[in-house]
Amino acid sequence: MDSPLLPLVGFIRLLSQRGRLATLDQLLPLSGLELEVEDVPAAWQTLVADPAYRDVRLLSEGENHYLYSNASMVDAYAERYVAIQSGRLAQTVAEHIRHYSALGEVFPQSTLNHPPYQLDETAQVALRAQLQADDQTRDIDWGEGRDGPYGFSRLHLSRDYAAVLANQDPFEFCC
C-alpha cells in the first residue's frame, strides 16, 4: 500500500538539505499537490515500511508533525529545530551548552548565529539575560575567550577550566 506522503518525499529531502523541517501544512502549498492525509503518523509508518524511504523521519510536537530526511540532517539538529519552533529557545540552548560541557568543551556563542538558532546580537543578549534569570538554567555561565564569547555549564566545568578550554590552541601539542 502506498503512503499518501510518497509524492512529498522529494520536497522533504530537498528541504532537509537546506536545514529545514516541514509540516504537512507547509509541504502541500510548496508541492502544489492537493492531498488528504488525516493521520500523518500512520501515513509516515506506511511510507518508511519501504526501505527506500527509511531516511524520512517524523518528529511530533503537540499537533504538529515535522518531517525531515536524516540523510541530510542529524536527529539532534532536528530536535533542536522543533524545540525552538515550539517556543523553547532558552531550554534548548541550555541543553546544548550542557551537552558541550559534559563533553569537556565550551559552547561558542557564535553557534547562535547559525541555524537552527539564527539569533542576532540583540536576541543573544536577551537570551543570556533570560538564562541567568531562570532558576532552571542558572548553571549556564558565560566567559570571553580568544575566539569570542563562550558558554558553559557550571554543573560540568569550573569557570577556570572553561577559560583554559576556551583559550586552548588545539594544535599546540600536536605532532
Protein backbone atom coordinates (compact mmCIF):
# COMPACT_ATOMS: atom_id res chain seq x y z
CA MET A 1 0.00 0.00 0.00
CA ASP A 2 1.40 3.40 -0.99
CA SER A 3 1.61 6.15 1.59
CA PRO A 4 -0.11 9.46 0.80
CA LEU A 5 3.22 11.07 1.76
CA LEU A 6 5.07 9.41 -1.13
CA PRO A 7 4.69 12.38 -3.56
CA LEU A 8 6.18 14.69 -0.90
CA VAL A 9 9.40 12.74 -0.28
CA GLY A 10 11.41 14.77 -2.81
CA PHE A 11 10.35 18.01 -1.13
CA ILE A 12 11.13 16.63 2.34
CA ARG A 13 14.62 15.63 1.22
CA LEU A 14 15.24 18.94 -0.54
CA LEU A 15 14.21 20.99 2.49
CA SER A 16 16.34 18.80 4.76
CA GLN A 17 19.39 19.50 2.59
CA ARG A 18 18.79 23.18 3.37
CA GLY A 19 18.40 22.67 7.12
CA ARG A 20 14.60 22.85 7.21
CA LEU A 21 11.95 20.58 8.62
CA ALA A 22 8.40 20.94 7.39
CA THR A 23 4.90 20.08 8.47
CA LEU A 24 2.34 18.70 6.05
CA ASP A 25 0.63 22.11 6.05
CA GLN A 26 3.89 23.66 4.82
CA LEU A 27 4.67 20.94 2.28
CA LEU A 28 1.33 20.90 0.47
CA PRO A 29 1.40 24.52 -0.83
CA LEU A 30 5.07 24.12 -1.71
CA SER A 31 4.39 20.98 -3.74
CA GLY A 32 1.21 22.25 -5.37
CA LEU A 33 -0.46 18.94 -4.56
CA GLU A 34 -3.86 18.51 -3.00
CA LEU A 35 -3.58 15.51 -0.71
CA GLU A 36 -5.84 14.35 2.08
CA VAL A 37 -3.80 12.96 4.95
CA GLU A 38 -5.86 12.51 8.09
CA ASP A 39 -3.29 10.63 10.17
CA VAL A 40 0.26 11.82 9.48
CA PRO A 41 1.99 9.33 11.85
CA ALA A 42 0.14 6.39 10.23
CA ALA A 43 0.98 7.69 6.74
CA TRP A 44 4.62 8.06 7.79
CA GLN A 45 4.72 4.48 9.13
CA THR A 46 3.36 3.22 5.82
CA LEU A 47 5.99 5.26 3.96
CA VAL A 48 9.00 4.02 5.95
CA ALA A 49 7.88 0.41 5.63
CA ASP A 50 9.57 0.65 2.22
CA PRO A 51 13.38 0.59 2.73
CA ALA A 52 13.83 3.28 0.06
CA TYR A 53 12.17 5.83 2.34
CA ARG A 54 13.63 4.90 5.74
CA ASP A 55 15.61 8.13 5.77
CA VAL A 56 12.39 10.12 6.24
CA ARG A 57 11.86 10.91 9.91
CA LEU A 58 8.87 12.22 11.83
CA LEU A 59 9.07 14.44 14.91
CA SER A 60 5.79 15.24 16.63
CA GLU A 61 5.29 18.25 18.88
CA GLY A 62 1.71 18.59 20.05
CA GLU A 63 -0.49 18.70 16.98
CA ASN A 64 2.43 19.47 14.65
CA HIS A 65 4.20 16.65 12.83
CA TYR A 66 7.56 17.67 11.34
CA LEU A 67 9.12 15.65 8.53
CA TYR A 68 12.78 15.57 7.52
CA SER A 69 15.39 13.29 5.99
CA ASN A 70 18.17 12.05 8.22
CA ALA A 71 20.30 11.51 5.11
CA SER A 72 20.89 15.29 5.15
CA MET A 73 20.13 16.28 8.74
CA VAL A 74 21.16 14.76 12.06
CA ASP A 75 18.45 13.98 14.57
CA ALA A 76 19.90 16.34 17.22
CA TYR A 77 19.58 19.31 14.83
CA ALA A 78 16.00 18.33 14.00
CA GLU A 79 15.10 18.04 17.69
CA ARG A 80 16.58 21.49 18.40
CA TYR A 81 14.76 22.98 15.42
CA VAL A 82 11.40 21.63 16.60
CA ALA A 83 12.02 22.74 20.19
CA ILE A 84 12.85 26.27 19.02
CA GLN A 85 9.77 26.37 16.77
CA SER A 86 7.74 25.30 19.81
CA GLY A 87 8.97 28.26 21.87
CA ARG A 88 11.61 26.51 23.98
CA LEU A 89 14.64 28.51 22.86
CA ALA A 90 16.21 29.09 26.30
CA GLN A 91 15.81 25.47 27.39
CA THR A 92 17.18 24.22 24.07
CA VAL A 93 20.27 26.44 24.26
CA ALA A 94 20.82 25.43 27.89
CA GLU A 95 20.65 21.73 26.95
CA HIS A 96 23.07 22.33 24.05
CA ILE A 97 25.53 24.12 26.34
CA ARG A 98 25.25 21.36 28.97
CA HIS A 99 25.93 18.77 26.25
CA TYR A 100 29.13 20.58 25.20
CA SER A 101 30.20 20.99 28.83
CA ALA A 102 29.60 17.32 29.62
CA LEU A 103 31.99 16.50 26.76
CA GLY A 104 34.63 18.83 28.24
CA GLU A 105 34.10 21.62 25.71
CA VAL A 106 32.84 25.18 25.80
CA PHE A 107 29.94 26.34 23.63
CA PRO A 108 30.98 29.14 21.24
CA GLN A 109 28.38 31.89 21.36
CA SER A 110 28.87 32.27 17.59
CA THR A 111 26.92 28.99 17.27
CA LEU A 112 23.81 31.06 17.99
CA ASN A 113 24.37 32.97 14.71
CA HIS A 114 23.67 29.83 12.69
CA PRO A 115 20.67 27.52 12.15
CA PRO A 116 18.68 26.31 13.92
CA TYR A 117 19.13 29.34 16.20
CA GLN A 118 19.91 32.26 13.84
CA LEU A 119 19.88 34.89 16.58
CA ASP A 120 21.12 38.42 16.02
CA GLU A 121 23.26 40.20 18.62
CA THR A 122 20.26 41.76 20.41
CA ALA A 123 18.49 38.41 20.68
CA GLN A 124 21.67 36.78 22.00
CA VAL A 125 22.00 39.40 24.75
CA ALA A 126 18.34 38.89 25.69
CA LEU A 127 18.81 35.12 25.70
CA ARG A 128 21.84 35.34 28.01
CA ALA A 129 19.84 37.51 30.42
CA GLN A 130 16.93 35.06 30.29
CA LEU A 131 19.22 32.11 31.03
CA GLN A 132 20.68 33.91 34.05
CA ALA A 133 17.24 34.90 35.38
CA ASP A 134 15.66 31.43 35.14
CA ASP A 135 16.23 29.07 38.08
CA GLN A 136 16.24 26.07 35.71
CA THR A 137 19.15 27.45 33.68
CA ARG A 138 21.14 29.32 36.32
CA ASP A 139 24.02 26.84 35.92
CA ILE A 140 24.75 28.33 32.49
CA ASP A 141 27.57 30.86 32.61
CA TRP A 142 29.49 32.85 30.03
CA GLY A 143 33.07 33.91 29.51
CA GLU A 144 35.23 35.66 26.95
CA GLY A 145 37.90 33.60 25.19
CA ARG A 146 40.43 34.07 22.43
CA ASP A 147 37.79 33.23 19.82
CA GLY A 148 35.00 35.27 21.39
CA PRO A 149 32.29 34.68 23.97
CA TYR A 150 31.51 31.15 25.07
CA GLY A 151 29.00 29.42 27.30
CA PHE A 152 29.46 26.54 29.71
CA SER A 153 27.57 24.75 32.44
CA ARG A 154 28.89 25.01 35.98
CA LEU A 155 27.44 21.54 36.54
CA HIS A 156 30.27 20.14 34.41
CA LEU A 157 33.02 22.78 34.19
CA SER A 158 34.51 25.28 36.60
CA ARG A 159 34.94 28.86 35.42
CA ASP A 160 38.75 28.44 35.43
CA TYR A 161 38.71 25.20 33.46
CA ALA A 162 36.25 26.65 30.94
CA ALA A 163 38.63 29.60 30.45
CA VAL A 164 41.51 27.19 29.80
CA LEU A 165 39.41 25.28 27.26
CA ALA A 166 38.30 28.48 25.54
CA ASN A 167 41.87 29.69 25.11
CA GLN A 168 43.50 26.39 24.20
CA ASP A 169 45.24 26.03 20.87
CA PRO A 170 44.21 22.61 19.55
CA PHE A 171 47.48 22.35 17.61
CA GLU A 172 49.79 23.45 20.43
CA PHE A 173 50.81 19.93 21.43
CA CYS A 174 50.27 18.35 18.05
CA CYS A 175 52.89 16.28 16.27
